[in-house]
């Protein structure tokens, strides 16, 4: 959904309402399959349970927006 660039740093962000089905989980996390760099990759949702996998970080939207740093 979003790529954030600032002074040579990059951050990838996929946003979804909820990761309520396996189809949604696969769609959001698999969106990063073709990206081969080592910049941080996030899936953001309203879910409270951390569903991070394969180096891709899952964060609750509130926690993500209030974070001091995202790396």
Protein backbone atom coordinates (compact mmCIF):
# COMPACT_ATOMS: atom_id res chain seq x y z
CA UNK A 1 0.00 0.00 0.00
CA UNK A 2 2.74 2.49 1.01
CA UNK A 3 6.47 2.96 0.59
CA UNK A 4 8.05 5.57 2.85
CA UNK A 5 11.47 6.99 1.91
CA UNK A 6 13.49 9.39 4.03
CA UNK A 7 17.22 10.13 3.70
CA UNK A 8 18.07 6.76 2.18
CA UNK A 9 15.91 4.78 4.60
CA UNK A 10 12.82 2.95 3.42
CA UNK A 11 9.78 1.41 5.10
CA UNK A 12 7.06 -0.71 3.47
CA UNK A 13 3.52 -0.73 4.88
CA UNK A 14 0.54 -2.93 4.01
CA UNK A 15 -2.73 -1.93 5.72
CA UNK A 16 -5.85 -4.02 6.24
CA UNK A 17 -8.89 -3.79 8.50
CA UNK A 18 -8.49 -7.22 10.13
CA UNK A 19 -6.47 -10.35 9.45
CA UNK A 20 -9.63 -12.39 10.00
CA UNK A 21 -9.18 -15.02 7.29
CA UNK A 22 -6.27 -17.01 5.94
CA UNK A 23 -6.98 -15.44 2.54
CA UNK A 24 -6.46 -11.93 3.98
CA UNK A 25 -3.32 -12.99 5.87
CA UNK A 26 -1.84 -14.49 2.71
CA UNK A 27 -2.77 -11.47 0.57
CA UNK A 28 -1.19 -8.95 2.95
CA UNK A 29 1.99 -10.86 3.83
CA UNK A 30 2.57 -12.26 0.32
CA UNK A 31 2.50 -8.72 -1.10
CA UNK A 32 6.16 -8.56 -0.01
CA UNK A 33 7.28 -11.72 -1.85
CA UNK A 34 8.87 -9.82 -4.74
CA UNK A 35 10.71 -7.29 -2.54
CA UNK A 36 14.24 -8.52 -1.94
CA UNK A 37 15.79 -5.69 0.08
CA UNK A 38 16.24 -5.65 3.86
CA UNK A 39 14.22 -2.56 4.70
CA UNK A 40 11.49 -3.04 7.35
CA UNK A 41 8.18 -4.42 6.13
CA UNK A 42 4.94 -4.06 8.11
CA UNK A 43 1.37 -5.30 7.99
CA UNK A 44 -0.90 -2.96 9.97
CA UNK A 45 -4.40 -3.86 11.20
CA UNK A 46 -6.82 -3.48 14.10
CA UNK A 47 -5.84 -6.95 15.39
CA UNK A 48 -4.26 -7.00 18.86
CA UNK A 49 -2.54 -10.38 18.43
CA UNK A 50 0.96 -10.16 16.91
CA UNK A 51 0.87 -12.18 13.69
CA UNK A 52 4.41 -11.34 12.49
CA UNK A 53 6.01 -13.93 10.21
CA UNK A 54 9.02 -14.46 7.96
CA UNK A 55 10.65 -11.20 9.01
CA UNK A 56 7.52 -9.16 8.25
CA UNK A 57 6.28 -7.32 11.33
CA UNK A 58 2.59 -7.16 12.15
CA UNK A 59 1.48 -4.22 14.30
CA UNK A 60 -1.79 -2.95 15.68
CA UNK A 61 -2.62 0.39 14.03
CA UNK A 62 -2.67 2.27 17.32
CA UNK A 63 0.72 0.88 18.39
CA UNK A 64 2.20 1.60 14.96
CA UNK A 65 1.02 5.22 14.87
CA UNK A 66 2.18 5.94 18.42
CA UNK A 67 5.62 4.34 18.01
CA UNK A 68 8.65 6.60 18.40
CA UNK A 69 10.57 4.54 15.81
CA UNK A 70 9.52 1.82 13.37
CA UNK A 71 12.73 -0.15 12.86
